[in-house]
Amino acid sequence: PAPCRMVPGSTAFQDFTQETRSVAAFGSLTRYLTEQWDVTAGLRYSMDDKDVDIAHYNAPGAAPPFTNVFGTNIIGPQQRSDRNATWSANSRYRFTDSLMGFVTVGTGFKSGGFNATRVAVGTPVEFEDEESISYEAGIKSTWLDQRLQLNATAYWTVL
């Protein structure tokens, strides 16, 4: 096949307008089991609403090789709504005044949306939301009369 070449008058336009409304409520509660040990639980509820209008088109007079690859693709108005609750739990233990260990587990969420990139007619423009769970463990410490701080954390996230 012949390569697609831009020639004078071969201009492509992309109109992508998106409006997002996002609302979230969150809170956490810490319970002190002893002077050295506490646990924290958190909860977040989020609502995302997205409205988009997408149109891809070529200027009049565009050359046929160009228009065959980048044809007019008026997708029009689309909308989506995502609702999700995420949580987290954490436990901390203070071994000494200068050494603390912790573990955390929590979920995450990213709402879906729309791809602004120009695509061929019939190609989906909407992408789904993403969820994750993460695990974390570590220590925090101070040394030399708090002139040196040493922290280490290991984490693992599953998408």
Protein backbone atom coordinates (compact mmCIF):
# COMPACT_ATOMS: atom_id res chain seq x y z
CA PRO A 1 0.00 0.00 0.00
CA ALA A 2 1.05 3.56 -0.69
CA PRO A 3 2.12 5.60 2.35
CA CYS A 4 -0.23 8.25 3.65
CA ARG A 5 1.21 11.68 2.88
CA MET A 6 0.08 15.06 3.99
CA VAL A 7 -0.53 17.38 1.11
CA PRO A 8 -1.59 21.03 1.19
CA GLY A 9 -5.19 21.22 2.35
CA SER A 10 -5.03 17.96 4.30
CA THR A 11 -5.96 19.25 7.72
CA ALA A 12 -7.55 17.23 10.50
CA PHE A 13 -9.55 18.65 13.38
CA GLN A 14 -10.30 17.16 16.75
CA ASP A 15 -12.92 18.58 19.07
CA PHE A 16 -12.89 17.06 22.54
CA THR A 17 -14.82 18.72 25.34
CA GLN A 18 -15.18 17.06 28.73
CA GLU A 19 -16.84 18.13 31.95
CA THR A 20 -16.23 16.20 35.15
CA ARG A 21 -18.10 16.50 38.41
CA SER A 22 -16.46 14.72 41.34
CA VAL A 23 -17.64 14.48 44.94
CA ALA A 24 -16.13 12.41 47.74
CA ALA A 25 -16.64 11.88 51.45
CA PHE A 26 -14.01 10.27 53.63
CA GLY A 27 -13.08 9.69 57.22
CA SER A 28 -10.79 7.71 59.48
CA LEU A 29 -10.84 6.51 63.05
CA THR A 30 -7.83 5.66 65.21
CA ARG A 31 -8.06 3.38 68.24
CA TYR A 32 -5.19 3.38 70.75
CA LEU A 33 -4.94 -0.18 72.09
CA THR A 34 -1.95 0.59 74.34
CA GLU A 35 0.46 3.49 74.67
CA GLN A 36 2.67 1.82 72.06
CA TRP A 37 0.08 0.30 69.68
CA ASP A 38 -2.69 1.87 67.61
CA VAL A 39 -4.85 0.85 64.66
CA THR A 40 -6.53 3.12 62.12
CA ALA A 41 -9.38 2.37 59.71
CA GLY A 42 -10.49 4.66 56.91
CA LEU A 43 -13.32 4.75 54.39
CA ARG A 44 -13.86 6.89 51.27
CA TYR A 45 -16.89 7.06 48.98
CA SER A 46 -16.48 8.84 45.64
CA MET A 47 -18.85 9.79 42.83
CA ASP A 48 -17.57 10.88 39.41
CA ASP A 49 -19.82 11.99 36.54
CA LYS A 50 -18.28 12.73 33.14
CA ASP A 51 -19.89 14.27 30.05
CA VAL A 52 -17.93 14.43 26.81
CA ASP A 53 -18.50 15.50 23.22
CA ILE A 54 -16.06 14.11 20.64
CA ALA A 55 -15.73 14.92 16.93
CA HIS A 56 -12.86 14.12 14.55
CA TYR A 57 -13.09 15.44 11.02
CA ASN A 58 -11.03 16.63 8.08
CA ALA A 59 -10.97 20.01 6.41
CA PRO A 60 -12.70 20.23 3.04
CA GLY A 61 -10.30 19.38 0.22
CA ALA A 62 -8.19 16.90 2.18
CA ALA A 63 -6.35 14.45 -0.09
CA PRO A 64 -7.90 10.95 -0.44
CA PRO A 65 -4.93 9.00 1.01
CA PHE A 66 -5.20 11.18 4.10
CA THR A 67 -8.97 10.92 4.38
CA ASN A 68 -8.84 7.13 3.98
CA VAL A 69 -6.69 6.86 7.13
CA PHE A 70 -8.17 9.75 9.10
CA GLY A 71 -11.82 9.69 8.16
CA THR A 72 -14.58 11.72 9.76
CA ASN A 73 -15.59 10.20 13.08
CA ILE A 74 -18.32 12.18 14.83
CA ILE A 75 -18.76 10.28 18.08
CA GLY A 76 -20.96 12.92 19.67
CA PRO A 77 -22.02 13.30 23.28
CA GLN A 78 -21.25 10.48 25.73
CA GLN A 79 -21.55 10.20 29.49
CA ARG A 80 -20.55 7.88 32.29
CA SER A 81 -20.89 7.71 36.07
CA ASP A 82 -18.63 5.87 38.49
CA ARG A 83 -19.34 5.21 42.16
CA ASN A 84 -16.92 3.47 44.48
CA ALA A 85 -16.07 2.88 48.12
CA THR A 86 -12.44 2.32 49.13
CA TRP A 87 -10.97 1.49 52.51
CA SER A 88 -7.69 1.35 54.38
CA ALA A 89 -6.42 -0.24 57.59
CA ASN A 90 -3.19 0.53 59.40
CA SER A 91 -1.47 -0.71 62.53
CA ARG A 92 1.51 1.03 64.16
CA TYR A 93 3.66 -0.17 67.03
CA ARG A 94 6.21 2.01 68.82
CA PHE A 95 8.99 -0.31 70.01
CA THR A 96 10.87 2.62 71.57
CA ASP A 97 10.65 6.41 71.42
CA SER A 98 12.88 6.28 68.34
CA LEU A 99 11.65 3.13 66.54
CA MET A 100 8.19 2.52 65.10
CA GLY A 101 6.95 -0.28 62.81
CA PHE A 102 3.79 -0.26 60.71
CA VAL A 103 1.67 -2.30 58.30
CA THR A 104 -1.02 -0.92 56.00
CA VAL A 105 -3.48 -2.43 53.54
CA GLY A 106 -5.84 -0.38 51.41
CA THR A 107 -7.85 -0.26 48.23
CA GLY A 108 -7.69 2.36 45.50
CA PHE A 109 -9.95 3.51 42.69
CA LYS A 110 -9.59 5.62 39.55
CA SER A 111 -12.73 6.39 37.59
CA GLY A 112 -12.97 5.50 33.91
CA GLY A 113 -13.20 8.05 31.15
CA PHE A 114 -12.84 8.83 27.48
CA ASN A 115 -9.87 8.68 25.13
CA ALA A 116 -9.19 12.02 23.44
CA THR A 117 -6.92 10.46 20.80
CA ARG A 118 -8.26 10.32 17.27
CA VAL A 119 -9.39 6.77 16.53
CA ALA A 120 -10.87 4.91 13.57
CA VAL A 121 -14.64 4.73 13.17
CA GLY A 122 -16.05 2.01 15.41
CA THR A 123 -13.12 1.99 17.87
CA PRO A 124 -14.29 2.32 21.49
CA VAL A 125 -13.41 5.68 23.04
CA GLU A 126 -14.47 4.86 26.59
CA PHE A 127 -12.15 3.15 29.06
CA GLU A 128 -13.16 1.42 32.26
CA ASP A 129 -12.33 2.34 35.83
CA GLU A 130 -9.37 0.85 37.68
CA GLU A 131 -9.22 -0.71 41.12
CA SER A 132 -6.20 -1.72 43.18
CA ILE A 133 -5.21 -3.11 46.54
CA SER A 134 -1.90 -2.24 48.15
CA TYR A 135 0.11 -3.67 51.01
CA GLU A 136 2.81 -1.81 52.88
CA ALA A 137 5.12 -2.57 55.80
CA GLY A 138 7.99 -0.62 57.22
CA ILE A 139 9.90 1.04 60.01
CA LYS A 140 10.59 4.64 60.95
CA SER A 141 13.45 5.47 63.25
CA THR A 142 15.57 8.30 64.57
CA TRP A 143 19.16 8.09 65.79
CA LEU A 144 21.89 10.30 67.25
CA ASP A 145 19.55 12.51 69.30
CA GLN A 146 17.17 12.86 66.33
CA ARG A 147 19.90 14.14 64.00
CA LEU A 148 19.60 11.06 61.79
CA GLN A 149 16.37 9.60 60.46
CA LEU A 150 16.24 6.14 58.90
CA ASN A 151 13.03 4.83 57.33
CA ALA A 152 12.41 1.73 55.22
CA THR A 153 9.20 0.64 53.52
CA ALA A 154 8.28 -2.36 51.37
CA TYR A 155 5.09 -2.22 49.35
CA TRP A 156 3.16 -4.26 46.82
CA THR A 157 0.26 -3.08 44.69
CA VAL A 158 -2.08 -5.36 42.76
CA LEU A 159 -4.12 -3.81 39.94
